[in-house]
Amino acid sequence: MGQTFSEKALGRKAGKRVRAGDVITVAPDYYLSHDNSSAIIGEFRKLGLKKVVAPEKIVIVLDHIVPAADEKYAQNHKTIREFVAEQGIPNFFDIDAGVCHQVFSEASFALPGSVIMGSDSHTTTYGAFGAFSAGIGRTEMASLWATDEIWLRVPETLRIEFSGRLSPGVYAKDVILKIIGDNGADRANYEAVEFVGPAARDFSLASRMVLANMAAEMGAKNGYFEADDKTLEWLRARAKADYEIVMSDPDATYEAVLKYDISTIEPQIACPHAVDNVKPVTAVDGKPFHQALIGTCTNGRFEDLAIAAKILKGKKIHPRVRALILPASREVYLEALKKGLIEIFVEARCVIVNPGCGPCLGAHEGILAPGEVVVSTSNRNFKGRMGGRDSEIYLASPATVAASALEGKITDPRKYL
């Protein structure tokens, strides 16, 4: 009987054939952390150890509260920098780099067939490159630093088959919101989600990252696309290590198969206060709001900014709206600058925020006051996520957010495209 991608990828690391449900021990290829590295360092120190086992596998990106918003965060960053120097960790990215998931991908740590653990729930993003990547806790990460091993339960796989072609004004964000809305935020709890089918191959790598990123919002352990020519083109100029493409067998066993004709999907929006509270944008058309956010690890790539810029060019943001543009990385920021997108945003009255997580986690930069409403391209809309607990977060595509920012109310973007 055939195996799924996850069974194969984890089996290669375990050195044996495995099936869904098996508990195995593996040594990941890389393990990622960010500002929470300070707390992980504390857990590591509790183990009474002096040195990490595999410093070359550790990737640390400062991105959540950058630059430091207060003395506490500044001290955390200082602790991390000192630990990096002490341990000889070569893969360290300071506050100028951007969001960890974008930076990790650009630096080509996300390779087909690799196994990656990260102390961030959206580590699932790297499945866009054909990797097995999963989020873990801080204590687990400290143990990884100490042992270079972690035990995992091999997940069952939920297969999602895409057919058709996206209609104008509909994007990957609309597709994943539709899936989550239809099936619930717990549909894929501790499962792998495999995105396949003719239309899956049509998605750009940036769009695949959106889908893999938000697989976490279905409860998934990991999300996955088969590596193809688009993946190889990305890696050709970036890959610094060898890799092996791993794919599911034609006769692999799945927990279930969901089929989506993406040509039938219209612009979607997740309404407060749950990611699976999803409706067509037309159902909430006209809802006024105060802040727009375009960016984050979900939709802060050049492709996303270009979509927003196309809508905003030559126009002005509604005077009631504060519009924040959050490039996912320095690389994205520079490309947007060179291609004229930043000029478009500034002339439209947007505020450009430094690459990082910023407003998404509600720690600084664009915090919402009680009663305020934001329309955002980020991945979570839990109560209090972006500031005041009495604020409201709507999640949508860059096109929907840009069109809405022009009108000062939630708007179907198709009229602008």
Protein backbone atom coordinates (compact mmCIF):
# COMPACT_ATOMS: atom_id res chain seq x y z
CA MET A 1 0.00 0.00 0.00
CA GLY A 2 1.26 3.48 -0.89
CA GLN A 3 2.32 6.23 1.46
CA THR A 4 1.41 9.89 1.83
CA PHE A 5 3.98 12.64 1.62
CA SER A 6 4.04 13.01 5.43
CA GLU A 7 4.56 9.28 5.96
CA LYS A 8 7.42 9.30 3.47
CA ALA A 9 9.13 12.48 4.70
CA LEU A 10 8.99 11.44 8.36
CA GLY A 11 9.91 7.84 7.54
CA ARG A 12 13.07 9.00 5.80
CA LYS A 13 14.09 10.85 8.94
CA ALA A 14 13.12 7.98 11.23
CA GLY A 15 15.04 5.51 9.07
CA LYS A 16 12.10 3.16 8.62
CA ARG A 17 8.74 2.79 6.90
CA VAL A 18 6.03 4.47 8.96
CA ARG A 19 2.24 4.79 8.83
CA ALA A 20 -0.18 7.40 10.12
CA GLY A 21 -0.56 7.01 13.87
CA ASP A 22 3.00 5.79 14.48
CA VAL A 23 5.04 7.64 17.09
CA ILE A 24 8.60 8.19 15.92
CA THR A 25 11.75 10.10 16.84
CA VAL A 26 13.39 12.31 14.22
CA ALA A 27 16.23 14.80 13.90
CA PRO A 28 14.83 17.75 11.91
CA ASP A 29 16.81 19.52 9.21
CA TYR A 30 16.22 22.95 10.76
CA TYR A 31 14.41 24.44 13.72
CA LEU A 32 13.11 27.98 13.75
CA SER A 33 12.34 30.45 16.52
CA HIS A 34 11.86 34.21 16.78
CA ASP A 35 11.50 36.70 19.65
CA ASN A 36 10.27 33.80 21.78
CA SER A 37 13.86 32.52 21.67
CA SER A 38 14.38 34.43 24.92
CA ALA A 39 11.84 32.20 26.69
CA ILE A 40 13.34 29.12 24.97
CA ILE A 41 16.77 30.13 26.27
CA GLY A 42 15.28 30.20 29.78
CA GLU A 43 13.94 26.66 29.31
CA PHE A 44 17.28 25.53 27.89
CA ARG A 45 19.13 26.93 30.90
CA LYS A 46 16.82 24.98 33.22
CA LEU A 47 18.19 21.78 31.68
CA GLY A 48 21.60 22.69 33.10
CA LEU A 49 23.32 22.40 29.74
CA LYS A 50 26.11 24.60 28.39
CA LYS A 51 25.96 24.07 24.62
CA VAL A 52 23.31 23.41 21.97
CA VAL A 53 23.92 20.18 20.07
CA ALA A 54 23.54 21.42 16.47
CA PRO A 55 23.93 25.20 16.23
CA GLU A 56 23.97 25.02 12.42
CA LYS A 57 20.35 23.78 12.44
CA ILE A 58 19.04 26.65 14.57
CA VAL A 59 17.48 29.59 12.70
CA ILE A 60 16.48 32.64 14.77
CA VAL A 61 14.68 35.64 13.26
CA LEU A 62 13.74 38.66 15.37
CA ASP A 63 10.40 39.78 13.93
CA HIS A 64 7.56 40.02 16.44
CA ILE A 65 8.30 43.27 18.27
CA VAL A 66 10.89 45.00 16.10
CA PRO A 67 12.30 47.46 16.85
CA ALA A 68 11.85 46.74 20.56
CA ALA A 69 8.75 48.54 21.86
CA ASP A 70 9.83 48.78 25.50
CA GLU A 71 12.60 47.79 27.91
CA LYS A 72 11.26 44.25 28.37
CA TYR A 73 11.40 43.49 24.65
CA ALA A 74 14.78 45.20 24.33
CA GLN A 75 16.15 42.94 27.07
CA ASN A 76 14.72 39.87 25.34
CA HIS A 77 16.47 40.84 22.12
CA LYS A 78 19.72 41.47 24.01
CA THR A 79 19.48 38.03 25.64
CA ILE A 80 18.98 36.40 22.24
CA ARG A 81 21.89 38.23 20.60
CA GLU A 82 24.21 37.25 23.45
CA PHE A 83 23.09 33.60 23.26
CA VAL A 84 23.61 33.53 19.47
CA ALA A 85 27.18 34.79 19.92
CA GLU A 86 27.88 32.44 22.82
CA GLN A 87 26.61 29.36 20.98
CA GLY A 88 28.06 30.20 17.58
CA ILE A 89 24.64 30.09 15.88
CA PRO A 90 25.30 31.08 12.23
CA ASN A 91 21.72 31.57 11.05
CA PHE A 92 20.65 34.67 12.97
CA PHE A 93 18.57 37.47 11.45
CA ASP A 94 18.21 40.68 13.44
CA ILE A 95 15.41 43.25 13.43
CA ASP A 96 16.03 44.43 9.86
CA ALA A 97 15.24 41.13 8.09
CA GLY A 98 11.45 40.74 8.26
CA VAL A 99 8.87 38.12 9.24
CA CYS A 100 10.47 34.80 10.14
CA HIS A 101 8.47 32.69 7.66
CA GLN A 102 9.32 34.94 4.70
CA VAL A 103 12.96 35.29 5.72
CA PHE A 104 13.33 31.53 6.31
CA SER A 105 11.94 30.86 2.83
CA GLU A 106 14.02 33.51 1.08
CA ALA A 107 17.17 32.12 2.73
CA SER A 108 16.17 28.72 1.28
CA PHE A 109 16.03 26.72 4.48
CA ALA A 110 12.63 25.45 3.27
CA LEU A 111 13.65 22.66 0.91
CA PRO A 112 11.55 19.88 -0.66
CA GLY A 113 11.46 16.73 1.46
CA SER A 114 13.00 18.44 4.48
CA VAL A 115 11.60 18.26 8.02
CA ILE A 116 11.35 21.59 9.83
CA MET A 117 10.14 22.41 13.33
CA GLY A 118 9.34 25.95 14.43
CA SER A 119 8.18 27.54 17.66
CA ASP A 120 5.47 29.39 15.76
CA SER A 121 2.15 27.91 14.71
CA HIS A 122 2.48 29.17 11.13
CA THR A 123 5.60 27.13 10.50
CA THR A 124 3.22 25.19 8.23
CA THR A 125 4.09 27.84 5.60
CA TYR A 126 7.10 25.86 4.30
CA GLY A 127 4.87 23.13 2.95
CA ALA A 128 4.51 25.49 -0.02
CA PHE A 129 8.00 24.32 -1.01
CA GLY A 130 7.33 20.62 -0.52
CA ALA A 131 8.67 20.46 3.04
CA PHE A 132 7.17 18.83 6.15
CA SER A 133 7.00 21.76 8.55
CA ALA A 134 5.16 21.98 11.85
CA GLY A 135 4.81 24.25 14.85
CA ILE A 136 5.92 23.14 18.32
CA GLY A 137 6.03 24.64 21.82
CA ARG A 138 8.89 26.50 23.51
CA THR A 139 9.76 23.65 25.86
CA GLU A 140 9.91 21.27 22.89
CA MET A 141 12.21 23.70 21.09
CA ALA A 142 14.52 23.91 24.11
CA SER A 143 14.68 20.11 24.11
CA LEU A 144 15.50 20.13 20.40
CA TRP A 145 18.37 22.52 21.05
CA ALA A 146 19.60 20.13 23.73
CA THR A 147 19.20 16.82 21.88
CA ASP A 148 18.59 17.43 18.15
CA GLU A 149 15.68 15.01 18.44
CA ILE A 150 11.91 15.23 18.80
CA TRP A 151 9.15 12.63 18.87
CA LEU A 152 6.18 13.07 16.59
CA ARG A 153 3.00 11.24 15.82
CA VAL A 154 2.77 10.65 12.07
CA PRO A 155 -0.38 12.54 11.00
CA GLU A 156 -3.27 11.29 8.92
CA THR A 157 -3.70 13.28 5.71
CA LEU A 158 -6.64 15.34 4.46
CA ARG A 159 -6.40 15.69 0.68
CA ILE A 160 -7.84 18.82 -0.93
CA GLU A 161 -8.18 18.64 -4.71
CA PHE A 162 -8.45 21.87 -6.71
CA SER A 163 -9.92 22.19 -10.20
CA GLY A 164 -10.99 25.16 -12.32
CA ARG A 165 -9.45 28.63 -12.50
CA LEU A 166 -9.79 31.62 -10.20
CA SER A 167 -12.14 34.36 -11.35
CA PRO A 168 -10.84 37.95 -11.53
CA GLY A 169 -10.74 39.50 -8.05
CA VAL A 170 -10.45 36.12 -6.30
CA TYR A 171 -7.15 34.99 -4.76
CA ALA A 172 -5.55 32.27 -2.65
CA LYS A 173 -6.73 34.00 0.53
CA ASP A 174 -10.34 33.69 -0.62
CA VAL A 175 -9.82 30.00 -1.37
CA ILE A 176 -8.40 29.11 2.05
CA LEU A 177 -11.03 31.19 3.85
CA LYS A 178 -13.75 29.38 1.90
CA ILE A 179 -12.29 25.99 2.87
CA ILE A 180 -12.00 26.93 6.55
CA GLY A 181 -15.48 28.43 6.56
CA ASP A 182 -16.99 25.33 4.99
CA ASN A 183 -15.20 22.81 7.19
CA GLY A 184 -14.43 24.54 10.49
CA ALA A 185 -11.29 25.65 12.34
CA ASP A 186 -10.85 22.16 13.82
CA ARG A 187 -11.41 20.10 10.65
CA ALA A 188 -7.77 19.12 10.24
CA ASN A 189 -6.68 18.88 13.89
CA TYR A 190 -3.27 17.17 13.93
CA GLU A 191 -3.62 16.17 10.30
CA ALA A 192 -1.54 16.90 7.26
CA VAL A 193 -3.36 18.91 4.60
CA GLU A 194 -2.29 18.09 1.06
CA PHE A 195 -3.21 20.62 -1.65
CA VAL A 196 -3.31 18.90 -5.06
CA GLY A 197 -5.10 18.84 -8.40
CA PRO A 198 -4.69 20.68 -11.72
CA ALA A 199 -5.48 24.08 -10.18
CA ALA A 200 -3.00 23.59 -7.33
CA ARG A 201 -0.19 23.73 -9.87
CA ASP A 202 -1.50 27.05 -11.18
CA PHE A 203 -0.94 28.80 -7.85
CA SER A 204 2.25 30.85 -7.62
CA LEU A 205 4.66 30.04 -4.78
CA ALA A 206 3.49 33.19 -3.00
CA SER A 207 -0.11 31.96 -3.20
CA ARG A 208 0.89 28.47 -2.06
CA MET A 209 2.46 30.08 0.99
CA VAL A 210 -0.91 31.68 1.82
CA LEU A 211 -2.67 28.31 1.71
CA ALA A 212 0.04 26.42 3.62
CA ASN A 213 0.28 29.22 6.19
CA MET A 214 -3.43 29.16 6.94
CA ALA A 215 -3.60 25.38 7.07
CA ALA A 216 -2.74 26.08 10.69
CA GLU A 217 -6.14 27.78 11.04
CA MET A 218 -7.75 24.43 10.21
CA GLY A 219 -5.79 22.87 13.06
CA ALA A 220 -3.35 21.18 10.69
CA LYS A 221 0.01 19.81 11.78
CA ASN A 222 1.39 20.61 8.36
CA GLY A 223 0.22 21.75 4.91
CA TYR A 224 1.83 20.63 1.69
CA PHE A 225 2.16 21.23 -2.07
CA GLU A 226 4.09 18.96 -4.38
CA ALA A 227 7.35 20.55 -5.50
CA ASP A 228 7.23 21.31 -9.24
CA ASP A 229 8.92 23.50 -11.85
CA LYS A 230 7.89 26.67 -10.01
CA THR A 231 9.50 25.36 -6.84
CA LEU A 232 12.67 24.38 -8.65
CA GLU A 233 12.90 27.77 -10.35
CA TRP A 234 12.71 29.48 -6.93
CA LEU A 235 15.37 27.15 -5.51
CA ARG A 236 17.72 27.31 -8.48
CA ALA A 237 19.18 30.64 -7.42
CA ARG A 238 18.77 30.14 -3.67
CA ALA A 239 19.31 26.57 -2.50
CA LYS A 240 22.51 26.10 -0.49
CA ALA A 241 22.02 22.39 0.27
CA ASP A 242 20.96 19.24 -1.55
CA TYR A 243 17.34 18.15 -1.38
CA GLU A 244 15.10 15.34 -2.56
CA ILE A 245 11.55 15.85 -3.76
CA VAL A 246 9.08 13.66 -1.87
CA MET A 247 5.53 13.04 -3.12
CA SER A 248 2.57 10.96 -2.08
CA ASP A 249 2.05 7.65 -3.86
CA PRO A 250 -0.97 7.34 -6.18
CA ASP A 251 -2.43 4.64 -3.92
CA ALA A 252 -1.80 6.43 -0.61
CA THR A 253 -4.51 6.28 2.06
CA TYR A 254 -6.24 9.52 3.08
CA GLU A 255 -8.48 10.36 6.00
CA ALA A 256 -10.76 12.17 3.55
CA VAL A 257 -10.75 13.94 0.18
CA LEU A 258 -12.33 17.38 -0.33
CA LYS A 259 -12.90 18.69 -3.85
CA TYR A 260 -13.08 22.38 -4.75
CA ASP A 261 -13.81 23.93 -8.12
CA ILE A 262 -12.11 27.26 -7.43
CA SER A 263 -13.88 28.92 -10.36
CA THR A 264 -17.04 28.97 -8.22
CA ILE A 265 -15.43 30.88 -5.33
CA GLU A 266 -16.10 34.59 -4.88
CA PRO A 267 -14.24 37.03 -2.56
CA GLN A 268 -14.50 35.85 1.04
CA ILE A 269 -14.12 37.49 4.45
CA ALA A 270 -13.71 36.02 7.94
CA CYS A 271 -15.83 37.93 10.42
CA PRO A 272 -15.21 38.40 14.17
CA HIS A 273 -14.20 36.54 16.24
CA ALA A 274 -13.34 33.24 14.56
CA VAL A 275 -11.39 32.34 11.43
CA ASP A 276 -14.16 29.95 10.35
CA ASN A 277 -16.87 32.63 10.61
CA VAL A 278 -16.56 33.15 6.87
CA LYS A 279 -19.00 34.86 4.52
CA PRO A 280 -18.89 36.21 0.97
CA VAL A 281 -17.68 39.80 0.99
CA THR A 282 -21.02 40.79 -0.53
CA ALA A 283 -22.76 39.64 2.68
CA VAL A 284 -21.01 42.34 4.75
CA ASP A 285 -20.68 44.95 2.03
CA GLY A 286 -20.93 48.47 3.46
CA LYS A 287 -19.60 47.69 6.94
CA PRO A 288 -17.59 50.78 8.04
CA PHE A 289 -14.17 50.33 9.64
CA HIS A 290 -11.21 52.31 10.95
CA GLN A 291 -7.97 50.55 9.99
CA ALA A 292 -6.72 48.54 7.02
CA LEU A 293 -3.68 46.25 7.17
CA ILE A 294 -2.03 44.79 4.06
CA GLY A 295 0.92 42.50 4.75
CA THR A 296 2.08 39.96 7.39
CA CYS A 297 3.43 36.42 6.93
CA THR A 298 0.19 35.50 5.17
CA ASN A 299 -0.10 38.22 2.53
CA GLY A 300 2.96 40.48 2.71
CA ARG A 301 4.82 39.28 -0.37
CA PHE A 302 5.45 41.32 -3.52
CA GLU A 303 2.56 39.60 -5.32
CA ASP A 304 0.18 40.78 -2.58
CA LEU A 305 1.50 44.33 -2.52
CA ALA A 306 1.27 44.53 -6.32
CA ILE A 307 -2.41 43.53 -6.21
CA ALA A 308 -3.12 46.26 -3.65
CA ALA A 309 -1.08 48.86 -5.54
CA LYS A 310 -3.02 48.17 -8.75
CA ILE A 311 -6.24 49.11 -6.95
CA LEU A 312 -4.81 52.08 -5.03
CA LYS A 313 -2.82 53.70 -7.84
CA GLY A 314 -3.87 57.30 -8.41
CA LYS A 315 -6.45 57.20 -5.60
CA LYS A 316 -6.65 58.24 -1.95
CA ILE A 317 -7.49 56.18 1.12
CA HIS A 318 -10.82 57.17 2.67
CA PRO A 319 -10.23 59.89 5.30
CA ARG A 320 -11.80 57.73 8.03
CA VAL A 321 -9.34 54.87 7.40
CA ARG A 322 -5.75 54.39 8.59
CA ALA A 323 -4.07 52.11 6.04
CA LEU A 324 -0.91 50.22 7.04
CA ILE A 325 1.36 48.48 4.52
CA LEU A 326 3.55 45.78 6.07
CA PRO A 327 6.08 44.18 3.67
CA ALA A 328 6.97 40.67 4.81
CA SER A 329 10.73 41.14 4.47
CA ARG A 330 13.50 43.54 3.54
CA GLU A 331 13.74 41.75 0.18
CA VAL A 332 10.04 42.34 -0.49
CA TYR A 333 10.33 45.97 0.67
CA LEU A 334 13.25 46.61 -1.70
CA GLU A 335 11.44 45.05 -4.66
CA ALA A 336 8.33 47.11 -3.92
CA LEU A 337 10.52 50.21 -3.70
CA LYS A 338 12.30 49.51 -7.00
CA LYS A 339 9.04 48.73 -8.82
CA GLY A 340 7.34 51.94 -7.63
CA LEU A 341 4.80 50.36 -5.31
CA ILE A 342 5.94 52.27 -2.23
CA GLU A 343 5.39 55.55 -4.05
CA ILE A 344 1.87 54.47 -4.96
CA PHE A 345 1.12 53.59 -1.34
CA VAL A 346 2.53 56.81 0.08
CA GLU A 347 0.66 58.94 -2.45
CA ALA A 348 -2.53 57.08 -1.52
CA ARG A 349 -1.97 58.13 2.15
CA CYS A 350 -0.87 54.70 3.40
CA VAL A 351 1.62 54.30 6.25
CA ILE A 352 4.56 52.00 5.45
CA VAL A 353 5.52 49.87 8.46
CA ASN A 354 8.94 48.22 8.76
CA PRO A 355 9.06 44.52 7.79
CA GLY A 356 8.02 42.36 10.75
CA CYS A 357 4.95 41.10 12.55
CA GLY A 358 4.01 44.49 13.98
CA PRO A 359 0.24 45.09 14.13
CA CYS A 360 -0.69 41.43 13.54
CA LEU A 361 -0.06 40.32 17.12
CA GLY A 362 -1.27 43.48 18.83
CA ALA A 363 1.96 44.20 20.70
CA HIS A 364 2.80 47.51 19.02
CA GLU A 365 2.40 49.41 15.74
CA GLY A 366 -1.24 49.98 14.91
CA ILE A 367 -2.94 48.64 18.03
CA LEU A 368 -6.73 48.98 17.93
CA ALA A 369 -8.71 50.96 20.48
CA PRO A 370 -11.87 49.49 22.02
CA GLY A 371 -14.71 49.58 19.52
CA GLU A 372 -12.49 49.97 16.48
CA VAL A 373 -12.71 47.73 13.43
CA VAL A 374 -9.86 46.54 11.19
CA VAL A 375 -9.90 44.77 7.83
CA SER A 376 -6.67 42.81 7.56
CA THR A 377 -4.82 40.34 5.35
CA SER A 378 -3.44 38.57 8.44
CA ASN A 379 -4.39 35.05 9.55
CA ARG A 380 -6.19 35.40 12.88
CA ASN A 381 -9.14 37.44 14.11
CA PHE A 382 -9.47 36.26 17.71
CA LYS A 383 -10.89 38.73 20.22
CA GLY A 384 -8.12 41.06 21.36
CA ARG A 385 -5.61 39.76 18.81
CA MET A 386 -4.74 43.24 17.49
CA GLY A 387 -5.37 45.34 20.55
CA GLY A 388 -8.55 46.20 22.47
CA ARG A 389 -10.68 43.20 23.37
CA ASP A 390 -13.73 45.12 22.22
CA SER A 391 -12.28 45.71 18.76
CA GLU A 392 -13.21 43.66 15.69
CA ILE A 393 -10.99 42.00 13.08
CA TYR A 394 -12.10 41.01 9.57
CA LEU A 395 -9.76 38.89 7.42
CA ALA A 396 -9.66 39.23 3.65
CA SER A 397 -7.44 39.28 0.57
CA PRO A 398 -5.16 42.22 -0.28
CA ALA A 399 -7.58 43.18 -3.06
CA THR A 400 -10.55 43.30 -0.70
CA VAL A 401 -8.62 45.27 1.90
CA ALA A 402 -7.34 47.79 -0.65
CA ALA A 403 -10.76 48.33 -2.24
CA SER A 404 -12.37 48.65 1.18
CA ALA A 405 -9.74 51.18 2.30
CA LEU A 406 -10.69 53.42 -0.62
CA GLU A 407 -14.35 53.44 0.32
CA GLY A 408 -14.10 53.40 4.12
CA LYS A 409 -16.37 50.37 4.19
CA ILE A 410 -16.04 46.70 3.34
CA THR A 411 -16.21 46.48 -0.44
CA ASP A 412 -16.19 43.78 -3.12
CA PRO A 413 -12.87 44.35 -4.93
CA ARG A 414 -14.13 43.12 -8.29
CA LYS A 415 -15.47 46.58 -9.17
CA TYR A 416 -11.86 47.84 -9.15
CA LEU A 417 -10.35 45.06 -11.26
